[in-house]
Amino acid sequence: VQVDPETFAWFQAQGESAEQQMSIALKIYAEAHKAYAAPTAKPA
């Protein structure tokens, strides 16, 4: 995943592992948006 330098710097400035923080942020985002995802396949 490519992250722009400003965003990466912000995560680094938070004082913990930037990669771990970004992973957690993406997981929270994905979980929050699951309810809005359109179904990808119709049941058989």
PDB file of N, CA and C in Angstrom:
ATOM      1  N   VAL A   1       0.852  -1.172   0.000  1.00  0.00           N
ATOM      2  CA  VAL A   1       0.000   0.000   0.000  1.00  0.00           C
ATOM      3  C   VAL A   1       0.894   1.230   0.000  1.00  0.00           C
ATOM      4  N   GLN A   2       0.613   2.133  -0.899  1.00  0.00           N
ATOM      5  CA  GLN A   2       1.377   3.373  -0.942  1.00  0.00           C
ATOM      6  C   GLN A   2       0.700   4.410  -0.050  1.00  0.00           C
ATOM      7  N   VAL A   3       1.503   5.079   0.742  1.00  0.00           N
ATOM      8  CA  VAL A   3       1.006   6.120   1.646  1.00  0.00           C
ATOM      9  C   VAL A   3       1.792   7.388   1.347  1.00  0.00           C
ATOM     10  N   ASP A   4       1.083   8.492   1.174  1.00  0.00           N
ATOM     11  CA  ASP A   4       1.791   9.732   0.874  1.00  0.00           C
ATOM     12  C   ASP A   4       2.642  10.151   2.076  1.00  0.00           C
ATOM     13  N   PRO A   5       3.728  10.876   1.825  1.00  0.00           N
ATOM     14  CA  PRO A   5       4.670  11.232   2.889  1.00  0.00           C
ATOM     15  C   PRO A   5       4.045  11.997   4.055  1.00  0.00           C
ATOM     16  N   GLU A   6       3.103  12.882   3.781  1.00  0.00           N
ATOM     17  CA  GLU A   6       2.480  13.658   4.860  1.00  0.00           C
ATOM     18  C   GLU A   6       1.666  12.764   5.788  1.00  0.00           C
ATOM     19  N   THR A   7       0.930  11.829   5.221  1.00  0.00           N
ATOM     20  CA  THR A   7       0.132  10.916   6.034  1.00  0.00           C
ATOM     21  C   THR A   7       1.033  10.008   6.852  1.00  0.00           C
ATOM     22  N   PHE A   8       2.081   9.478   6.226  1.00  0.00           N
ATOM     23  CA  PHE A   8       3.006   8.607   6.942  1.00  0.00           C
ATOM     24  C   PHE A   8       3.684   9.369   8.078  1.00  0.00           C
ATOM     25  N   ALA A   9       4.076  10.611   7.833  1.00  0.00           N
ATOM     26  CA  ALA A   9       4.708  11.429   8.871  1.00  0.00           C
ATOM     27  C   ALA A   9       3.755  11.649  10.040  1.00  0.00           C
ATOM     28  N   TRP A  10       2.470  11.840   9.743  1.00  0.00           N
ATOM     29  CA  TRP A  10       1.493  12.026  10.819  1.00  0.00           C
ATOM     30  C   TRP A  10       1.428  10.780  11.690  1.00  0.00           C
ATOM     31  N   PHE A  11       1.349   9.610  11.069  1.00  0.00           N
ATOM     32  CA  PHE A  11       1.314   8.368  11.843  1.00  0.00           C
ATOM     33  C   PHE A  11       2.600   8.200  12.650  1.00  0.00           C
ATOM     34  N   GLN A  12       3.748   8.521  12.074  1.00  0.00           N
ATOM     35  CA  GLN A  12       5.015   8.407  12.799  1.00  0.00           C
ATOM     36  C   GLN A  12       5.043   9.346  14.002  1.00  0.00           C
ATOM     37  N   ALA A  13       4.460  10.513  13.875  1.00  0.00           N
ATOM     38  CA  ALA A  13       4.470  11.504  14.951  1.00  0.00           C
ATOM     39  C   ALA A  13       3.601  11.093  16.139  1.00  0.00           C
ATOM     40  N   GLN A  14       2.774  10.069  15.968  1.00  0.00           N
ATOM     41  CA  GLN A  14       1.891   9.638  17.053  1.00  0.00           C
ATOM     42  C   GLN A  14       2.626   8.854  18.133  1.00  0.00           C
ATOM     43  N   GLY A  15       3.880   8.470  17.873  1.00  0.00           N
ATOM     44  CA  GLY A  15       4.707   7.875  18.912  1.00  0.00           C
ATOM     45  C   GLY A  15       4.763   6.363  18.965  1.00  0.00           C
ATOM     46  N   GLU A  16       4.032   5.668  18.123  1.00  0.00           N
ATOM     47  CA  GLU A  16       4.076   4.212  18.093  1.00  0.00           C
ATOM     48  C   GLU A  16       4.404   3.775  16.668  1.00  0.00           C
ATOM     49  N   SER A  17       4.405   2.481  16.436  1.00  0.00           N
ATOM     50  CA  SER A  17       4.699   1.940  15.110  1.00  0.00           C
ATOM     51  C   SER A  17       3.703   2.483  14.083  1.00  0.00           C
ATOM     52  N   ALA A  18       4.213   3.223  13.111  1.00  0.00           N
ATOM     53  CA  ALA A  18       3.346   3.798  12.090  1.00  0.00           C
ATOM     54  C   ALA A  18       2.620   2.706  11.314  1.00  0.00           C
ATOM     55  N   GLU A  19       3.331   1.633  10.973  1.00  0.00           N
ATOM     56  CA  GLU A  19       2.716   0.550  10.216  1.00  0.00           C
ATOM     57  C   GLU A  19       1.584  -0.108  11.003  1.00  0.00           C
ATOM     58  N   GLN A  20       1.802  -0.319  12.287  1.00  0.00           N
ATOM     59  CA  GLN A  20       0.777  -0.941  13.121  1.00  0.00           C
ATOM     60  C   GLN A  20      -0.436  -0.017  13.246  1.00  0.00           C
ATOM     61  N   GLN A  21      -0.197   1.260  13.428  1.00  0.00           N
ATOM     62  CA  GLN A  21      -1.300   2.214  13.543  1.00  0.00           C
ATOM     63  C   GLN A  21      -2.113   2.282  12.256  1.00  0.00           C
ATOM     64  N   MET A  22      -1.418   2.279  11.104  1.00  0.00           N
ATOM     65  CA  MET A  22      -2.134   2.321   9.827  1.00  0.00           C
ATOM     66  C   MET A  22      -2.956   1.056   9.626  1.00  0.00           C
ATOM     67  N   SER A  23      -2.419  -0.078  10.010  1.00  0.00           N
ATOM     68  CA  SER A  23      -3.148  -1.339   9.900  1.00  0.00           C
ATOM     69  C   SER A  23      -4.418  -1.300  10.740  1.00  0.00           C
ATOM     70  N   ILE A  24      -4.304  -0.807  11.958  1.00  0.00           N
ATOM     71  CA  ILE A  24      -5.466  -0.703  12.845  1.00  0.00           C
ATOM     72  C   ILE A  24      -6.495   0.268  12.266  1.00  0.00           C
ATOM     73  N   ALA A  25      -6.029   1.403  11.755  1.00  0.00           N
ATOM     74  CA  ALA A  25      -6.937   2.394  11.177  1.00  0.00           C
ATOM     75  C   ALA A  25      -7.687   1.819   9.980  1.00  0.00           C
ATOM     76  N   LEU A  26      -6.983   1.079   9.125  1.00  0.00           N
ATOM     77  CA  LEU A  26      -7.636   0.474   7.968  1.00  0.00           C
ATOM     78  C   LEU A  26      -8.642  -0.593   8.384  1.00  0.00           C
ATOM     79  N   LYS A  27      -8.312  -1.352   9.411  1.00  0.00           N
ATOM     80  CA  LYS A  27      -9.232  -2.385   9.893  1.00  0.00           C
ATOM     81  C   LYS A  27     -10.506  -1.741  10.439  1.00  0.00           C
ATOM     82  N   ILE A  28     -10.356  -0.693  11.234  1.00  0.00           N
ATOM     83  CA  ILE A  28     -11.519   0.018  11.783  1.00  0.00           C
ATOM     84  C   ILE A  28     -12.374   0.579  10.649  1.00  0.00           C
ATOM     85  N   TYR A  29     -11.733   1.176   9.648  1.00  0.00           N
ATOM     86  CA  TYR A  29     -12.445   1.735   8.500  1.00  0.00           C
ATOM     87  C   TYR A  29     -13.226   0.645   7.765  1.00  0.00           C
ATOM     88  N   ALA A  30     -12.562  -0.477   7.501  1.00  0.00           N
ATOM     89  CA  ALA A  30     -13.210  -1.572   6.777  1.00  0.00           C
ATOM     90  C   ALA A  30     -14.394  -2.125   7.558  1.00  0.00           C
ATOM     91  N   GLU A  31     -14.223  -2.320   8.852  1.00  0.00           N
ATOM     92  CA  GLU A  31     -15.313  -2.837   9.684  1.00  0.00           C
ATOM     93  C   GLU A  31     -16.495  -1.872   9.694  1.00  0.00           C
ATOM     94  N   ALA A  32     -16.212  -0.584   9.775  1.00  0.00           N
ATOM     95  CA  ALA A  32     -17.274   0.420   9.824  1.00  0.00           C
ATOM     96  C   ALA A  32     -18.054   0.493   8.515  1.00  0.00           C
ATOM     97  N   HIS A  33     -17.421   0.125   7.410  1.00  0.00           N
ATOM     98  CA  HIS A  33     -18.066   0.249   6.109  1.00  0.00           C
ATOM     99  C   HIS A  33     -18.617  -1.064   5.563  1.00  0.00           C
ATOM    100  N   LYS A  34     -18.501  -2.136   6.304  1.00  0.00           N
ATOM    101  CA  LYS A  34     -19.044  -3.419   5.847  1.00  0.00           C
ATOM    102  C   LYS A  34     -20.545  -3.338   5.616  1.00  0.00           C
ATOM    103  N   ALA A  35     -21.242  -2.632   6.469  1.00  0.00           N
ATOM    104  CA  ALA A  35     -22.696  -2.540   6.362  1.00  0.00           C
ATOM    105  C   ALA A  35     -23.124  -1.827   5.083  1.00  0.00           C
ATOM    106  N   TYR A  36     -22.233  -1.029   4.505  1.00  0.00           N
ATOM    107  CA  TYR A  36     -22.573  -0.259   3.317  1.00  0.00           C
ATOM    108  C   TYR A  36     -22.101  -0.922   2.031  1.00  0.00           C
ATOM    109  N   ALA A  37     -21.382  -2.028   2.146  1.00  0.00           N
ATOM    110  CA  ALA A  37     -20.860  -2.705   0.960  1.00  0.00           C
ATOM    111  C   ALA A  37     -21.991  -3.414   0.226  1.00  0.00           C
ATOM    112  N   ALA A  38     -21.990  -3.290  -1.072  1.00  0.00           N
ATOM    113  CA  ALA A  38     -22.991  -3.975  -1.886  1.00  0.00           C
ATOM    114  C   ALA A  38     -22.624  -5.449  -1.995  1.00  0.00           C
ATOM    115  N   PRO A  39     -23.615  -6.312  -1.997  1.00  0.00           N
ATOM    116  CA  PRO A  39     -23.323  -7.747  -2.170  1.00  0.00           C
ATOM    117  C   PRO A  39     -22.631  -7.977  -3.508  1.00  0.00           C
ATOM    118  N   THR A  40     -21.653  -8.883  -3.528  1.00  0.00           N
ATOM    119  CA  THR A  40     -20.905  -9.138  -4.758  1.00  0.00           C
ATOM    120  C   THR A  40     -21.473 -10.306  -5.552  1.00  0.00           C
ATOM    121  N   ALA A  41     -22.250 -11.160  -4.930  1.00  0.00           N
ATOM    122  CA  ALA A  41     -22.816 -12.308  -5.641  1.00  0.00           C
ATOM    123  C   ALA A  41     -24.219 -12.599  -5.116  1.00  0.00           C
ATOM    124  N   LYS A  42     -25.071 -13.063  -6.008  1.00  0.00           N
ATOM    125  CA  LYS A  42     -26.425 -13.432  -5.610  1.00  0.00           C
ATOM    126  C   LYS A  42     -26.424 -14.870  -5.109  1.00  0.00           C
ATOM    127  N   PRO A  43     -27.230 -15.172  -4.095  1.00  0.00           N
ATOM    128  CA  PRO A  43     -27.325 -16.560  -3.621  1.00  0.00           C
ATOM    129  C   PRO A  43     -27.864 -17.473  -4.721  1.00  0.00           C
ATOM    130  N   ALA A  44     -27.413 -18.694  -4.755  1.00  0.00           N
ATOM    131  CA  ALA A  44     -27.846 -19.650  -5.793  1.00  0.00           C
ATOM    132  C   ALA A  44     -29.215 -20.211  -5.520  1.00  0.00           C
TER     133      ALA A  44
END
